[in-house]
C-alpha atoms as a PDB file:
ATOM      1  CA  MET A   1      93.261  75.670 101.717  1.00  0.00           C
ATOM      2  CA  LEU A   2      95.478  78.940 101.099  1.00  0.00           C
ATOM      3  CA  LYS A   3      92.227  79.896  99.162  1.00  0.00           C
ATOM      4  CA  GLY A   4      90.612  80.622 101.937  1.00  0.00           C
ATOM      5  CA  ALA A   5      93.393  82.512 103.208  1.00  0.00           C
ATOM      6  CA  VAL A   6      92.843  84.607 100.157  1.00  0.00           C
ATOM      7  CA  LYS A   7      89.332  85.003 100.288  1.00  0.00           C
ATOM      8  CA  ALA A   8      89.422  86.412 103.496  1.00  0.00           C
ATOM      9  CA  GLY A   9      91.499  89.415 102.097  1.00  0.00           C
ATOM     10  CA  ALA A  10      88.717  90.214  99.811  1.00  0.00           C
ATOM     11  CA  ALA A  11      86.541  90.264 101.557  1.00  0.00           C
ATOM     12  CA  ALA A  12      88.079  92.790 104.798  1.00  0.00           C
ATOM     13  CA  LEU A  13      88.687  94.219 101.172  1.00  0.00           C
ATOM     14  CA  ILE A  14      85.377  94.904 100.103  1.00  0.00           C
ATOM     15  CA  LYS A  15      84.247  95.484 103.848  1.00  0.00           C
ATOM     16  CA  GLU A  16      87.023  98.303 103.844  1.00  0.00           C
ATOM     17  CA  ARG A  17      85.968  99.822 100.708  1.00  0.00           C
ATOM     18  CA  ASP A  18      84.060 102.909 102.482  1.00  0.00           C
ATOM     19  CA  TYR A  19      87.566 103.443 104.654  1.00  0.00           C
ATOM     20  CA  LEU A  20      89.681 103.189 101.507  1.00  0.00           C
ATOM     21  CA  SER A  21      88.239 105.843  99.607  1.00  0.00           C
ATOM     22  CA  GLU A  22      88.100 108.512 102.076  1.00  0.00           C
ATOM     23  CA  LEU A  23      91.792 107.955 102.458  1.00  0.00           C
ATOM     24  CA  ASP A  24      92.555 108.415  99.017  1.00  0.00           C
ATOM     25  CA  ALA A  25      89.272 111.817  98.871  1.00  0.00           C
ATOM     26  CA  LYS A  26      92.034 113.765 100.711  1.00  0.00           C
ATOM     27  CA  ILE A  27      95.358 112.866  98.669  1.00  0.00           C
ATOM     28  CA  GLY A  28      94.217 111.499  95.513  1.00  0.00           C
ATOM     29  CA  ASP A  29      91.217 110.187  93.263  1.00  0.00           C
ATOM     30  CA  GLY A  30      88.809 108.991  95.706  1.00  0.00           C
ATOM     31  CA  ASP A  31      88.823 105.460  94.054  1.00  0.00           C
ATOM     32  CA  HIS A  32      91.552 103.601  95.857  1.00  0.00           C
ATOM     33  CA  GLY A  33      88.491 101.827  97.775  1.00  0.00           C
ATOM     34  CA  LEU A  34      86.515 101.017  95.307  1.00  0.00           C
ATOM     35  CA  ASN A  35      89.164  99.636  93.000  1.00  0.00           C
ATOM     36  CA  MET A  36      90.313  97.520  95.274  1.00  0.00           C
ATOM     37  CA  ALA A  37      87.008  96.476  96.214  1.00  0.00           C
ATOM     38  CA  ARG A  38      86.025  95.320  92.307  1.00  0.00           C
ATOM     39  CA  GLY A  39      89.819  93.658  92.888  1.00  0.00           C
ATOM     40  CA  ALA A  40      88.687  91.478  95.457  1.00  0.00           C
ATOM     41  CA  GLN A  41      85.534  90.689  93.899  1.00  0.00           C
ATOM     42  CA  SER A  42      86.608  89.270  90.831  1.00  0.00           C
ATOM     43  CA  ALA A  43      89.775  87.491  92.519  1.00  0.00           C
ATOM     44  CA  LEU A  44      86.431  85.688  94.645  1.00  0.00           C
ATOM     45  CA  GLU A  45      84.521  85.164  91.377  1.00  0.00           C
ATOM     46  CA  ALA A  46      87.739  83.811  89.706  1.00  0.00           C
ATOM     47  CA  LEU A  47      88.421  81.776  92.422  1.00  0.00           C
ATOM     48  CA  ASP A  48      84.558  80.104  92.180  1.00  0.00           C
ATOM     49  CA  GLU A  49      85.337  79.075  88.233  1.00  0.00           C
ATOM     50  CA  HIS A  50      87.982  76.987  89.422  1.00  0.00           C
ATOM     51  CA  SER A  51      86.565  74.527  91.774  1.00  0.00           C
ATOM     52  CA  GLY A  52      89.212  72.292  91.160  1.00  0.00           C
ATOM     53  CA  ALA A  53      93.205  71.925  93.480  1.00  0.00           C
ATOM     54  CA  LEU A  54      95.450  74.382  92.519  1.00  0.00           C
ATOM     55  CA  THR A  55      99.283  75.161  93.647  1.00  0.00           C
ATOM     56  CA  VAL A  56      99.913  77.892  95.525  1.00  0.00           C
ATOM     57  CA  SER A  57     101.199  79.780  92.455  1.00  0.00           C
ATOM     58  CA  GLU A  58      98.564  79.084  90.157  1.00  0.00           C
ATOM     59  CA  LEU A  59      95.925  80.670  93.195  1.00  0.00           C
ATOM     60  CA  ILE A  60      97.935  83.749  93.540  1.00  0.00           C
ATOM     61  CA  LYS A  61      98.539  84.083  89.552  1.00  0.00           C
ATOM     62  CA  LEU A  62      95.157  83.553  89.560  1.00  0.00           C
ATOM     63  CA  VAL A  63      94.475  87.190  91.518  1.00  0.00           C
ATOM     64  CA  GLY A  64      97.279  88.580  89.822  1.00  0.00           C
ATOM     65  CA  GLU A  65      95.246  88.293  87.096  1.00  0.00           C
ATOM     66  CA  ALA A  66      92.053  89.015  88.244  1.00  0.00           C
ATOM     67  CA  PHE A  67      93.058  92.555  89.527  1.00  0.00           C
ATOM     68  CA  LEU A  68      95.435  93.681  86.159  1.00  0.00           C
ATOM     69  CA  MET A  69      92.630  92.843  83.811  1.00  0.00           C
ATOM     70  CA  ASN A  70      89.447  94.695  85.941  1.00  0.00           C
ATOM     71  CA  VAL A  71      90.696  97.310  88.304  1.00  0.00           C
ATOM     72  CA  GLY A  72      91.862 100.763  86.730  1.00  0.00           C
ATOM     73  CA  GLY A  73      94.110 103.655  88.124  1.00  0.00           C
ATOM     74  CA  SER A  74      97.466 102.245  90.133  1.00  0.00           C
ATOM     75  CA  ALA A  75      96.072  99.525  91.901  1.00  0.00           C
ATOM     76  CA  GLY A  76      95.312  97.288  89.088  1.00  0.00           C
ATOM     77  CA  PRO A  77      98.640  97.198  87.954  1.00  0.00           C
ATOM     78  CA  LEU A  78     101.001  97.361  90.734  1.00  0.00           C
ATOM     79  CA  TYR A  79      98.439  95.007  92.524  1.00  0.00           C
ATOM     80  CA  GLY A  80      97.996  92.604  89.433  1.00  0.00           C
ATOM     81  CA  SER A  81     102.390  92.547  88.865  1.00  0.00           C
ATOM     82  CA  GLY A  82     103.129  92.626  92.005  1.00  0.00           C
ATOM     83  CA  PHE A  83     100.870  89.071  92.357  1.00  0.00           C
ATOM     84  CA  ILE A  84     101.981  87.375  89.132  1.00  0.00           C
ATOM     85  CA  ALA A  85     105.715  87.964  89.600  1.00  0.00           C
ATOM     86  CA  GLY A  86     105.263  86.912  93.369  1.00  0.00           C
ATOM     87  CA  ALA A  87     103.721  83.072  91.724  1.00  0.00           C
ATOM     88  CA  LYS A  88     106.626  82.804  89.875  1.00  0.00           C
ATOM     89  CA  ALA A  89     108.568  82.912  92.253  1.00  0.00           C
ATOM     90  CA  ILE A  90     106.800  80.428  94.269  1.00  0.00           C
ATOM     91  CA  ASP A  91     105.894  78.226  90.489  1.00  0.00           C
ATOM     92  CA  SER A  92     106.302  74.944  92.810  1.00  0.00           C
ATOM     93  CA  SER A  93     103.550  72.578  93.948  1.00  0.00           C
ATOM     94  CA  GLU A  94     105.681  72.060  97.067  1.00  0.00           C
ATOM     95  CA  ALA A  95     106.169  75.569  98.145  1.00  0.00           C
ATOM     96  CA  ALA A  96     105.472  75.151 102.066  1.00  0.00           C
ATOM     97  CA  LEU A  97     103.768  77.576 103.945  1.00  0.00           C
ATOM     98  CA  ASP A  98     107.202  78.883 105.950  1.00  0.00           C
ATOM     99  CA  ALA A  99     108.902  82.073 105.910  1.00  0.00           C
ATOM    100  CA  LYS A 100     111.040  81.704 103.581  1.00  0.00           C
ATOM    101  CA  THR A 101     108.133  81.151 100.646  1.00  0.00           C
ATOM    102  CA  ILE A 102     106.582  84.509 102.501  1.00  0.00           C
ATOM    103  CA  GLY A 103     109.206  86.356 102.174  1.00  0.00           C
ATOM    104  CA  LEU A 104     110.586  85.513  98.870  1.00  0.00           C
ATOM    105  CA  PHE A 105     106.617  85.633  97.400  1.00  0.00           C
ATOM    106  CA  LEU A 106     107.204  89.543  98.859  1.00  0.00           C
ATOM    107  CA  HIS A 107     110.317  90.382  97.324  1.00  0.00           C
ATOM    108  CA  GLU A 108     109.209  89.542  94.106  1.00  0.00           C
ATOM    109  CA  PHE A 109     106.210  90.874  94.802  1.00  0.00           C
ATOM    110  CA  ASN A 110     107.444  94.648  95.866  1.00  0.00           C
ATOM    111  CA  ALA A 111     110.506  94.467  93.568  1.00  0.00           C
ATOM    112  CA  ALA A 112     107.263  94.253  90.214  1.00  0.00           C
ATOM    113  CA  VAL A 113     105.793  97.377  91.847  1.00  0.00           C
ATOM    114  CA  LYS A 114     109.122  98.947  92.087  1.00  0.00           C
ATOM    115  CA  LYS A 115     109.534  98.511  89.196  1.00  0.00           C
ATOM    116  CA  ARG A 116     106.140  98.800  88.005  1.00  0.00           C
ATOM    117  CA  GLY A 117     105.179 102.587  90.256  1.00  0.00           C
ATOM    118  CA  LYS A 118     109.002 103.473  89.934  1.00  0.00           C
ATOM    119  CA  ALA A 119     108.547 103.975  93.676  1.00  0.00           C
ATOM    120  CA  GLU A 120     111.081 102.867  96.894  1.00  0.00           C
ATOM    121  CA  LEU A 121     110.799 102.922 100.840  1.00  0.00           C
ATOM    122  CA  GLY A 122     109.279 106.343 102.013  1.00  0.00           C
ATOM    123  CA  ASP A 123     107.845 107.679  98.958  1.00  0.00           C
ATOM    124  CA  LYS A 124     104.963 106.982 100.774  1.00  0.00           C
ATOM    125  CA  THR A 125     103.281 104.115  98.808  1.00  0.00           C
ATOM    126  CA  MET A 126     101.867 100.615  99.682  1.00  0.00           C
ATOM    127  CA  LEU A 127     105.680  99.918  99.881  1.00  0.00           C
ATOM    128  CA  ASP A 128     106.255 101.659 103.114  1.00  0.00           C
ATOM    129  CA  VAL A 129     104.177  98.388 104.140  1.00  0.00           C
ATOM    130  CA  LEU A 130     105.272  95.737 102.175  1.00  0.00           C
ATOM    131  CA  ILE A 131     109.242  96.602 101.975  1.00  0.00           C
ATOM    132  CA  PRO A 132     109.215  96.141 106.431  1.00  0.00           C
ATOM    133  CA  LEU A 133     107.065  92.642 106.304  1.00  0.00           C
ATOM    134  CA  GLU A 134     109.458  91.533 103.683  1.00  0.00           C
ATOM    135  CA  LYS A 135     112.591  91.856 105.131  1.00  0.00           C
ATOM    136  CA  ILE A 136     110.662  90.730 109.380  1.00  0.00           C
ATOM    137  CA  PHE A 137     110.197  87.218 106.378  1.00  0.00           C
ATOM    138  CA  VAL A 138     113.535  87.500 104.899  1.00  0.00           C
ATOM    139  CA  GLU A 139     115.639  87.628 107.902  1.00  0.00           C
ATOM    140  CA  SER A 140     113.591  85.035 110.043  1.00  0.00           C
ATOM    141  CA  GLU A 141     116.171  83.530 111.655  1.00  0.00           C
ATOM    142  CA  GLY A 142     114.612  80.728 112.678  1.00  0.00           C
ATOM    143  CA  LYS A 143     111.696  82.319 114.410  1.00  0.00           C
ATOM    144  CA  PRO A 144     108.599  80.076 114.542  1.00  0.00           C
ATOM    145  CA  LEU A 145     105.719  81.220 112.135  1.00  0.00           C
ATOM    146  CA  ALA A 146     102.984  82.229 114.252  1.00  0.00           C
ATOM    147  CA  GLU A 147     105.280  84.904 115.681  1.00  0.00           C
ATOM    148  CA  LEU A 148     106.236  86.415 112.271  1.00  0.00           C
ATOM    149  CA  LEU A 149     102.726  86.996 111.022  1.00  0.00           C
ATOM    150  CA  LYS A 150     102.047  88.392 114.270  1.00  0.00           C
ATOM    151  CA  VAL A 151     104.828  90.994 114.460  1.00  0.00           C
ATOM    152  CA  GLY A 152     104.288  91.438 110.334  1.00  0.00           C
ATOM    153  CA  ARG A 153     100.357  92.315 111.846  1.00  0.00           C
ATOM    154  CA  GLU A 154     102.253  95.553 113.979  1.00  0.00           C
ATOM    155  CA  THR A 155     104.143  96.218 111.773  1.00  0.00           C
ATOM    156  CA  ALA A 156     101.830  97.241 109.027  1.00  0.00           C
ATOM    157  CA  ARG A 157      99.885  98.934 110.949  1.00  0.00           C
ATOM    158  CA  ASN A 158     102.673 101.132 112.448  1.00  0.00           C
ATOM    159  CA  ALA A 159     103.891 101.215 109.113  1.00  0.00           C
ATOM    160  CA  VAL A 160     100.601 102.657 107.998  1.00  0.00           C
ATOM    161  CA  GLU A 161     100.484 105.731 110.554  1.00  0.00           C
ATOM    162  CA  TYR A 162     103.812 106.510 109.370  1.00  0.00           C
ATOM    163  CA  THR A 163     103.294 107.662 106.374  1.00  0.00           C
ATOM    164  CA  LYS A 164     101.358 110.363 108.323  1.00  0.00           C
ATOM    165  CA  GLU A 165     104.420 112.064 108.533  1.00  0.00           C
ATOM    166  CA  LEU A 166     105.634 111.689 104.590  1.00  0.00           C
ATOM    167  CA  THR A 167     105.601 113.491 101.499  1.00  0.00           C
ATOM    168  CA  ALA A 168     103.932 112.032  98.840  1.00  0.00           C
ATOM    169  CA  ARG A 169     106.666 111.198  95.942  1.00  0.00           C
ATOM    170  CA  ARG A 170     104.674 109.066  93.720  1.00  0.00           C
ATOM    171  CA  GLY A 171     100.681 108.667  92.439  1.00  0.00           C
ATOM    172  CA  ARG A 172      98.364 111.341  92.317  1.00  0.00           C
ATOM    173  CA  ALA A 173      99.064 112.428  96.030  1.00  0.00           C
ATOM    174  CA  SER A 174     103.023 113.454  94.404  1.00  0.00           C
ATOM    175  CA  TYR A 175     101.043 116.432  92.824  1.00  0.00           C
ATOM    176  CA  LEU A 176      99.850 117.622  96.896  1.00  0.00           C
ATOM    177  CA  GLY A 177     104.147 117.874  97.859  1.00  0.00           C
ATOM    178  CA  ALA A 178     104.150 118.898 101.172  1.00  0.00           C
ATOM    179  CA  ARG A 179     100.219 119.564 101.839  1.00  0.00           C
ATOM    180  CA  SER A 180      99.749 115.289 101.678  1.00  0.00           C
ATOM    181  CA  VAL A 181     101.787 115.332 105.073  1.00  0.00           C
ATOM    182  CA  GLY A 182      99.598 113.999 107.612  1.00  0.00           C
ATOM    183  CA  HIS A 183      97.341 111.866 105.939  1.00  0.00           C
ATOM    184  CA  ILE A 184      97.628 108.336 105.908  1.00  0.00           C
ATOM    185  CA  ASP A 185      98.369 106.761 102.458  1.00  0.00           C
ATOM    186  CA  PRO A 186      95.211 104.726 101.006  1.00  0.00           C
ATOM    187  CA  GLY A 187      97.605 101.788  99.154  1.00  0.00           C
ATOM    188  CA  ALA A 188      99.507 101.779 102.195  1.00  0.00           C
ATOM    189  CA  ALA A 189      95.957 100.582 104.121  1.00  0.00           C
ATOM    190  CA  SER A 190      94.697  98.322 102.181  1.00  0.00           C
ATOM    191  CA  ALA A 191      98.401  95.990 102.009  1.00  0.00           C
ATOM    192  CA  ALA A 192      98.279  96.492 105.991  1.00  0.00           C
ATOM    193  CA  ILE A 193      94.036  95.730 105.955  1.00  0.00           C
ATOM    194  CA  LEU A 194      95.135  92.663 103.135  1.00  0.00           C
ATOM    195  CA  TYR A 195      98.813  91.314 105.372  1.00  0.00           C
ATOM    196  CA  ARG A 196      96.386  90.918 108.411  1.00  0.00           C
ATOM    197  CA  GLU A 197      93.393  89.494 107.471  1.00  0.00           C
ATOM    198  CA  ILE A 198      95.346  86.267 105.338  1.00  0.00           C
ATOM    199  CA  SER A 199      97.726  86.251 108.649  1.00  0.00           C
ATOM    200  CA  LEU A 200      95.194  85.726 110.267  1.00  0.00           C
ATOM    201  CA  TYR A 201      93.438  83.406 108.295  1.00  0.00           C
ATOM    202  CA  ILE A 202      96.869  81.336 108.233  1.00  0.00           C
ATOM    203  CA  GLU A 203      97.620  81.932 112.028  1.00  0.00           C
ATOM    204  CA  LYS A 204      93.852  80.185 113.286  1.00  0.00           C
ATOM    205  CA  ASN A 205      93.553  77.667 110.813  1.00  0.00           C
ATOM    206  CA  PHE A 206      97.262  76.636 110.137  1.00  0.00           C
ATOM    207  CA  LEU A 207      98.879  77.271 113.295  1.00  0.00           C
ATOM    208  CA  THR A 208      96.540  77.102 115.633  1.00  0.00           C
ATOM    209  CA  PRO A 209      97.067  73.783 117.974  1.00  0.00           C
ATOM    210  CA  ALA A 210      93.728  71.596 118.022  1.00  0.00           C
ATOM    211  CA  GLN A 211      92.168  71.654 120.629  1.00  0.00           C
ATOM    212  CA  PRO A 212      91.175  68.938 123.152  1.00  0.00           C
ATOM    213  CA  ASP A 213      87.291  67.467 123.226  1.00  0.00           C
END
């Protein structure tokens, strides 16, 4: 179930709380890790309260609402609106676990984040990870999903590192101007962590061929 993938991503955000806050302390308020961990914990609790089956869309919407209602700062509104928009885009119990669905989700997630945060590629935000990921799945050209997921992880890692070279143009970090150069964007880092864990879970539990007894 995709619920397991979401739980894996949430657990990783909680585990990386201090790391994300350390990144944020250098160019922001220092609370990004705490906020992401709070959202992740709220999402886990919301999922545990629903013992019945959930469609993919319902599952993602539940996560978005957990972030929106329980997380302060910019993370709550951005992630919350992104997840909810993505859920609406794939509002079907028949949504397949394929590149097309993932690309559609990321496209709508990113559109919501752009609108809410007034940010674009190159502004030193989570979009510097998520927009390249969207491109991979939208332009998949029939490549195997396992290959796309792996390329996505490498792309996300490189994108996080590249944010060091960017000048922040949105959020608290933008107040630093050129002094924000040389630092990883915490939003990009959390987005990469979330993608990494969810993609690894999908790859291991849905795409890895069963081994013979």
